[in-house]
Amino acid sequence: MPPASPSPILRRRRLGVELRRLREAAGLTGDQVIERIGWASASKLSRLENGRSRPDPQDVRDLLDLYRADGTLRDELLGITQEAGDMRGWLKNFPVMTQQQRGFAELEAGCAVISEYNPVLVPGLLQTAEYARIRIASVHEFDEGTGDPEAAGDIDTEVQARLARQTLLSREPHAPRYTAVLEEAALGGRTAPPEVLREQLVQLCELAMLPNVTLHVLPQDTRIGSWYLPPTAFSLYRFADPQDPETVAIEGGFTDVMSTEANALNGYKVVFEWLCTAALSESDTLSWLIEATGRLPDTAGPSTVAYGAATAPPQRRRHSGRLTER
């Protein structure tokens, strides 16, 4: 089960924000700090403030001395520094994580609220094992076609990594509040074979019944605001510790971008509100999913939906049976 505490990567970002704030409050430039502490590398401070390097406790102490941080704040930041460096201990919770999957897991750990939109796919936290396998295999096929077979990695490992991430939504006692807007096109026949898509729709029905999960289907002919079209998939993360910086992850075709900048965050928050307003309500979405499930052939027999495990939990399988009959 993933930890409720933030990941070391998130701790580094939090530490960087605090160190930058203290430097600016002290009226010092980066060059002045480097000169007074006597660091040889001018980029060292920049990497610390941007959360891009594992912090050395002595380096942080030197900065806190220079900034004259008070005792309470000093103790707090030194504690964060220790958490930011404990990557090995944190990764024990994710023994099968690939680098890309780990990047998302690091954001999701410690989250209080996750909001996601994807115009073409079911988000990874909601995927069944077989749906995930098809999506991952299609990307690997592209990697092999570009002459980079090593980029493909191991499909089974990536599927297991995705399932490991999904336990976040059923984590007790601090599961995050999760909301997703799903485009109708992302639930159509181009995404997976009928039997796999049907299983995926059944799982979405089950997840929509969880108290912390809200799903909205966006019908393909629905207008968003003044004919607005979201250009890409994105996810918004708000953390249990209000001092940890909110983050937006923007998914590109080949590159993911993560930002804590206020302008980017506020823009995507507005877009997500537009999407939720335009999409079907929670109850109408559940009805839509049930009806869509019934329109697909049941070629696999009784549902064996996988969600964070090889099979669905017993209480969810009871729902699956009812929905399968429909």
Protein backbone atom coordinates (compact mmCIF):
# COMPACT_ATOMS: atom_id res chain seq x y z
CA MET A 1 0.00 0.00 0.00
CA PRO A 2 1.55 3.37 -0.95
CA PRO A 3 2.48 5.59 1.96
CA ALA A 4 0.29 8.47 3.06
CA SER A 5 3.39 10.61 3.58
CA PRO A 6 4.81 12.73 0.74
CA SER A 7 7.58 11.34 -1.41
CA PRO A 8 11.20 12.52 -1.18
CA ILE A 9 10.73 14.35 -4.49
CA LEU A 10 7.84 16.35 -3.06
CA ARG A 11 9.86 17.03 0.08
CA ARG A 12 12.65 18.44 -2.08
CA ARG A 13 10.23 20.79 -3.79
CA ARG A 14 8.84 21.94 -0.45
CA LEU A 15 12.35 22.51 0.89
CA GLY A 16 13.31 24.46 -2.23
CA VAL A 17 10.30 26.77 -1.91
CA GLU A 18 11.14 27.49 1.73
CA LEU A 19 14.83 28.11 1.05
CA ARG A 20 14.01 30.52 -1.77
CA ARG A 21 11.54 32.36 0.46
CA LEU A 22 14.12 32.70 3.23
CA ARG A 23 16.78 33.96 0.81
CA GLU A 24 14.46 36.59 -0.61
CA ALA A 25 13.39 37.64 2.90
CA ALA A 26 17.07 38.09 3.76
CA GLY A 27 17.50 40.33 0.71
CA LEU A 28 20.19 38.15 -0.84
CA THR A 29 20.80 37.22 -4.46
CA GLY A 30 21.89 33.76 -5.46
CA ASP A 31 25.41 35.00 -6.26
CA GLN A 32 25.69 36.61 -2.83
CA VAL A 33 24.70 33.37 -1.13
CA ILE A 34 27.23 31.34 -3.13
CA GLU A 35 29.97 33.83 -2.28
CA ARG A 36 29.25 34.02 1.45
CA ILE A 37 28.97 30.27 1.95
CA GLY A 38 31.90 29.54 -0.34
CA TRP A 39 30.31 27.00 -2.65
CA ALA A 40 32.32 26.23 -5.76
CA SER A 41 29.30 25.61 -8.02
CA ALA A 42 27.01 28.50 -8.88
CA SER A 43 24.26 26.05 -9.87
CA LYS A 44 24.20 24.31 -6.49
CA LEU A 45 21.80 26.78 -4.92
CA SER A 46 19.60 26.80 -8.01
CA ARG A 47 19.25 23.01 -7.92
CA LEU A 48 18.33 23.11 -4.23
CA GLU A 49 15.74 25.86 -4.67
CA ASN A 50 14.17 24.09 -7.64
CA GLY A 51 14.05 20.71 -5.87
CA ARG A 52 16.27 19.06 -8.47
CA SER A 53 18.96 17.61 -6.22
CA ARG A 54 19.13 15.52 -3.08
CA PRO A 55 19.88 18.01 -0.29
CA ASP A 56 22.93 17.61 1.88
CA PRO A 57 21.96 18.31 5.53
CA GLN A 58 25.11 20.36 6.12
CA ASP A 59 24.40 22.52 3.07
CA VAL A 60 20.92 23.21 4.39
CA ARG A 61 22.30 24.05 7.83
CA ASP A 62 24.71 26.53 6.24
CA LEU A 63 21.86 28.21 4.38
CA LEU A 64 19.66 28.34 7.48
CA ASP A 65 22.54 29.91 9.44
CA LEU A 66 23.03 32.52 6.74
CA TYR A 67 19.31 33.30 6.60
CA ARG A 68 19.06 33.33 10.42
CA ALA A 69 16.11 30.97 10.46
CA ASP A 70 14.46 30.68 13.88
CA GLY A 71 14.56 27.47 15.89
CA THR A 72 11.10 26.15 15.05
CA LEU A 73 11.42 26.73 11.33
CA ARG A 74 14.98 25.43 11.38
CA ASP A 75 13.91 22.14 12.98
CA GLU A 76 11.04 21.76 10.54
CA LEU A 77 13.23 22.30 7.48
CA LEU A 78 15.94 19.98 8.75
CA GLY A 79 13.26 17.31 9.22
CA ILE A 80 12.08 17.89 5.65
CA THR A 81 15.70 17.63 4.51
CA GLN A 82 15.97 14.18 6.06
CA GLU A 83 12.74 13.04 4.38
CA ALA A 84 13.94 14.48 1.06
CA GLY A 85 17.03 12.30 1.16
CA ASP A 86 15.39 9.01 2.15
CA MET A 87 14.70 7.79 -1.38
CA ARG A 88 15.71 4.19 -0.72
CA GLY A 89 13.32 3.74 2.19
CA TRP A 90 10.42 5.32 0.31
CA LEU A 91 10.99 3.20 -2.81
CA LYS A 92 10.53 -0.01 -0.80
CA ASN A 93 6.82 0.70 -1.13
CA PHE A 94 7.12 0.53 -4.93
CA PRO A 95 9.31 -2.49 -5.79
CA VAL A 96 8.07 -2.72 -9.39
CA MET A 97 7.97 0.95 -10.30
CA THR A 98 9.43 2.06 -13.60
CA GLN A 99 10.92 5.55 -13.73
CA GLN A 100 7.89 7.10 -15.43
CA GLN A 101 5.39 5.36 -13.15
CA ARG A 102 7.43 6.39 -10.13
CA GLY A 103 7.20 10.01 -11.21
CA PHE A 104 3.42 9.87 -10.99
CA ALA A 105 3.50 7.85 -7.76
CA GLU A 106 5.72 10.49 -6.19
CA LEU A 107 3.15 13.16 -6.97
CA GLU A 108 0.21 11.06 -5.84
CA ALA A 109 1.73 10.12 -2.47
CA GLY A 110 0.54 12.51 0.21
CA CYS A 111 -2.20 13.93 -2.04
CA ALA A 112 -5.44 15.15 -0.54
CA VAL A 113 -7.07 16.02 -3.88
CA ILE A 114 -6.38 14.74 -7.43
CA SER A 115 -8.21 16.14 -10.48
CA GLU A 116 -7.61 14.62 -13.93
CA TYR A 117 -8.68 15.09 -17.53
CA ASN A 118 -7.67 12.99 -20.51
CA PRO A 119 -9.15 13.50 -23.99
CA VAL A 120 -8.18 10.10 -25.43
CA LEU A 121 -7.51 7.59 -22.61
CA VAL A 122 -8.84 6.38 -19.30
CA PRO A 123 -6.42 7.81 -16.68
CA GLY A 124 -3.90 5.34 -15.28
CA LEU A 125 -5.40 5.33 -11.78
CA LEU A 126 -8.66 3.99 -13.25
CA GLN A 127 -7.37 1.41 -15.75
CA THR A 128 -7.92 -2.34 -15.58
CA ALA A 129 -4.88 -4.56 -15.98
CA GLU A 130 -5.80 -5.56 -19.54
CA TYR A 131 -6.64 -2.03 -20.64
CA ALA A 132 -3.31 -0.87 -19.19
CA ARG A 133 -1.49 -3.72 -20.93
CA ILE A 134 -2.89 -2.72 -24.33
CA ARG A 135 -2.09 0.94 -23.84
CA ILE A 136 1.46 0.22 -22.66
CA ALA A 137 2.08 -2.34 -25.43
CA SER A 138 0.97 0.17 -28.08
CA VAL A 139 3.54 2.67 -26.85
CA HIS A 140 6.22 -0.02 -26.77
CA GLU A 141 5.40 -0.93 -30.36
CA PHE A 142 6.04 2.68 -31.30
CA ASP A 143 9.35 2.69 -29.40
CA GLU A 144 10.47 -0.42 -31.25
CA GLY A 145 9.41 1.12 -34.56
CA THR A 146 11.63 4.13 -33.89
CA GLY A 147 14.66 1.88 -33.46
CA ASP A 148 14.81 2.17 -29.68
CA PRO A 149 13.65 -1.24 -28.37
CA GLU A 150 15.30 -0.62 -24.99
CA ALA A 151 12.84 2.22 -24.39
CA ALA A 152 10.03 -0.30 -24.37
CA GLY A 153 11.08 -1.97 -21.10
CA ASP A 154 9.02 -4.76 -19.59
CA ILE A 155 5.26 -4.59 -20.13
CA ASP A 156 4.40 -6.82 -17.15
CA THR A 157 6.46 -4.61 -14.85
CA GLU A 158 4.72 -1.49 -16.06
CA VAL A 159 1.27 -3.04 -15.66
CA GLN A 160 2.08 -4.09 -12.10
CA ALA A 161 3.43 -0.59 -11.41
CA ARG A 162 0.16 0.93 -12.57
CA LEU A 163 -1.85 -1.45 -10.38
CA ALA A 164 0.37 -0.61 -7.41
CA ARG A 165 -0.39 3.08 -7.90
CA GLN A 166 -4.12 2.40 -7.96
CA THR A 167 -4.23 1.22 -4.35
CA LEU A 168 -4.01 4.93 -3.51
CA LEU A 169 -7.74 5.37 -4.14
CA SER A 170 -8.73 2.70 -1.63
CA ARG A 171 -6.06 3.60 0.93
CA GLU A 172 -7.24 3.73 4.51
CA PRO A 173 -7.72 5.96 6.31
CA HIS A 174 -6.52 8.83 4.09
CA ALA A 175 -7.56 8.13 0.51
CA PRO A 176 -7.45 11.30 -1.59
CA ARG A 177 -10.54 12.93 -3.08
CA TYR A 178 -10.32 12.00 -6.76
CA THR A 179 -12.22 13.59 -9.66
CA ALA A 180 -11.82 12.74 -13.34
CA VAL A 181 -13.44 14.07 -16.50
CA LEU A 182 -13.55 11.34 -19.15
CA GLU A 183 -14.13 12.20 -22.80
CA GLU A 184 -16.68 9.96 -24.51
CA ALA A 185 -14.07 9.30 -27.20
CA ALA A 186 -11.75 7.85 -24.55
CA LEU A 187 -14.37 5.18 -23.83
CA GLY A 188 -14.94 4.20 -27.44
CA GLY A 189 -13.95 1.30 -29.65
CA ARG A 190 -10.64 2.76 -30.83
CA THR A 191 -9.10 2.37 -27.37
CA ALA A 192 -9.36 -1.40 -26.84
CA PRO A 193 -11.10 -4.61 -28.04
CA PRO A 194 -14.78 -4.90 -26.99
CA GLU A 195 -14.18 -7.40 -24.18
CA VAL A 196 -11.39 -5.28 -22.68
CA LEU A 197 -13.37 -2.09 -23.04
CA ARG A 198 -16.39 -3.70 -21.42
CA GLU A 199 -14.32 -4.77 -18.43
CA GLN A 200 -12.94 -1.25 -18.22
CA LEU A 201 -16.43 0.27 -18.21
CA VAL A 202 -17.51 -2.15 -15.46
CA GLN A 203 -14.56 -1.03 -13.36
CA LEU A 204 -15.42 2.64 -13.92
CA CYS A 205 -18.94 1.91 -12.68
CA GLU A 206 -17.51 0.33 -9.53
CA LEU A 207 -15.07 3.15 -8.92
CA ALA A 208 -17.80 5.74 -9.37
CA MET A 209 -19.51 4.20 -6.32
CA LEU A 210 -16.54 4.86 -4.02
CA PRO A 211 -17.22 7.78 -1.65
CA ASN A 212 -13.97 9.56 -2.53
CA VAL A 213 -14.22 9.14 -6.32
CA THR A 214 -16.19 11.39 -8.67
CA LEU A 215 -16.36 10.64 -12.40
CA HIS A 216 -17.81 12.83 -15.14
CA VAL A 217 -18.28 11.70 -18.75
CA LEU A 218 -18.03 14.50 -21.32
CA PRO A 219 -20.21 13.63 -24.36
CA GLN A 220 -18.47 14.27 -27.65
CA ASP A 221 -20.97 16.87 -28.89
CA THR A 222 -21.01 18.90 -25.67
CA ARG A 223 -19.80 22.49 -25.94
CA ILE A 224 -17.29 23.70 -23.34
CA GLY A 225 -17.77 27.37 -22.53
CA SER A 226 -17.37 29.53 -25.64
CA TRP A 227 -16.31 26.56 -27.80
CA TYR A 228 -13.17 25.96 -25.75
CA LEU A 229 -11.08 22.90 -26.63
CA PRO A 230 -8.60 21.57 -24.02
CA PRO A 231 -5.31 21.02 -25.88
CA THR A 232 -3.92 18.17 -23.78
CA ALA A 233 -4.37 15.82 -20.84
CA PHE A 234 -3.50 17.18 -17.41
CA SER A 235 -3.68 16.36 -13.70
CA LEU A 236 -3.89 18.68 -10.70
CA TYR A 237 -2.49 17.67 -7.31
CA ARG A 238 -3.19 19.24 -3.93
CA PHE A 239 -1.40 17.77 -0.94
CA ALA A 240 -2.36 16.92 2.61
CA ASP A 241 0.25 19.35 3.92
CA PRO A 242 -1.00 22.79 2.77
CA GLN A 243 2.58 24.05 2.70
CA ASP A 244 3.52 21.58 -0.04
CA PRO A 245 3.20 23.33 -3.42
CA GLU A 246 0.25 22.40 -5.59
CA THR A 247 1.36 20.84 -8.87
CA VAL A 248 0.00 20.45 -12.38
CA ALA A 249 1.24 17.60 -14.60
CA ILE A 250 0.70 18.27 -18.31
CA GLU A 251 0.89 15.22 -20.54
CA GLY A 252 2.40 15.62 -23.99
CA GLY A 253 2.78 13.06 -26.71
CA PHE A 254 6.35 12.22 -25.73
CA THR A 255 7.13 14.50 -22.79
CA ASP A 256 5.39 15.23 -19.49
CA VAL A 257 5.75 18.68 -17.93
CA MET A 258 5.23 19.37 -14.23
CA SER A 259 4.83 22.86 -12.81
CA THR A 260 4.10 24.58 -9.50
CA GLU A 261 3.86 28.04 -11.09
CA ALA A 262 0.75 29.91 -9.98
CA ASN A 263 -0.23 31.07 -13.47
CA ALA A 264 -0.12 27.56 -14.90
CA LEU A 265 -2.00 26.10 -11.93
CA ASN A 266 -4.72 28.71 -11.97
CA GLY A 267 -5.24 28.33 -15.70
CA TYR A 268 -5.70 24.57 -15.51
CA LYS A 269 -7.96 24.90 -12.46
CA VAL A 270 -10.26 27.15 -14.48
CA VAL A 271 -10.24 24.70 -17.40
CA PHE A 272 -11.09 21.80 -15.09
CA GLU A 273 -14.06 23.70 -13.68
CA TRP A 274 -15.28 24.35 -17.23
CA LEU A 275 -14.94 20.64 -18.02
CA CYS A 276 -16.85 19.56 -14.91
CA THR A 277 -19.61 22.07 -15.65
CA ALA A 278 -19.98 20.87 -19.25
CA ALA A 279 -19.80 17.15 -18.44
CA LEU A 280 -22.54 14.87 -17.17
CA SER A 281 -23.32 14.90 -13.45
CA GLU A 282 -22.12 12.08 -11.18
CA SER A 283 -25.44 10.22 -11.32
CA ASP A 284 -25.89 10.75 -15.06
CA THR A 285 -22.32 9.57 -15.62
CA LEU A 286 -23.00 6.32 -13.74
CA SER A 287 -26.13 5.76 -15.83
CA TRP A 288 -24.16 6.46 -19.01
CA LEU A 289 -21.44 3.98 -18.01
CA ILE A 290 -23.98 1.26 -17.14
CA GLU A 291 -25.76 1.71 -20.46
CA ALA A 292 -22.47 1.73 -22.39
CA THR A 293 -21.43 -1.48 -20.62
CA GLY A 294 -24.65 -3.17 -21.67
CA ARG A 295 -24.10 -2.25 -25.31
CA LEU A 296 -20.84 -4.22 -25.51
CA PRO A 297 -20.67 -8.03 -25.92
CA ASP A 298 -19.78 -10.07 -22.85
CA THR A 299 -17.20 -12.51 -24.28
CA ALA A 300 -15.13 -13.00 -21.15
CA GLY A 301 -17.77 -14.50 -18.85
CA PRO A 302 -18.15 -13.15 -15.28
CA SER A 303 -16.26 -9.97 -14.51
CA THR A 304 -12.75 -10.32 -13.13
CA VAL A 305 -11.95 -6.64 -13.05
CA ALA A 306 -8.48 -5.88 -11.71
CA TYR A 307 -8.04 -2.79 -9.58
CA GLY A 308 -4.79 -2.56 -7.69
CA ALA A 309 -4.75 -6.37 -7.53
CA ALA A 310 -5.23 -9.46 -9.67
CA THR A 311 -9.01 -9.38 -9.11
CA ALA A 312 -11.45 -6.82 -7.82
CA PRO A 313 -12.16 -6.71 -4.06
CA PRO A 314 -15.19 -8.81 -3.04
CA GLN A 315 -17.47 -5.84 -2.34
CA ARG A 316 -16.79 -4.51 -5.83
CA ARG A 317 -17.32 -7.89 -7.50
CA ARG A 318 -20.90 -7.87 -6.22
CA HIS A 319 -21.48 -4.67 -8.20
CA SER A 320 -19.71 -6.24 -11.19
CA GLY A 321 -22.13 -9.11 -11.31
CA ARG A 322 -25.12 -6.81 -11.42
CA LEU A 323 -23.58 -4.60 -14.09
CA THR A 324 -22.43 -7.57 -16.14
CA GLU A 325 -26.00 -8.84 -16.34
CA ARG A 326 -27.06 -5.48 -17.72
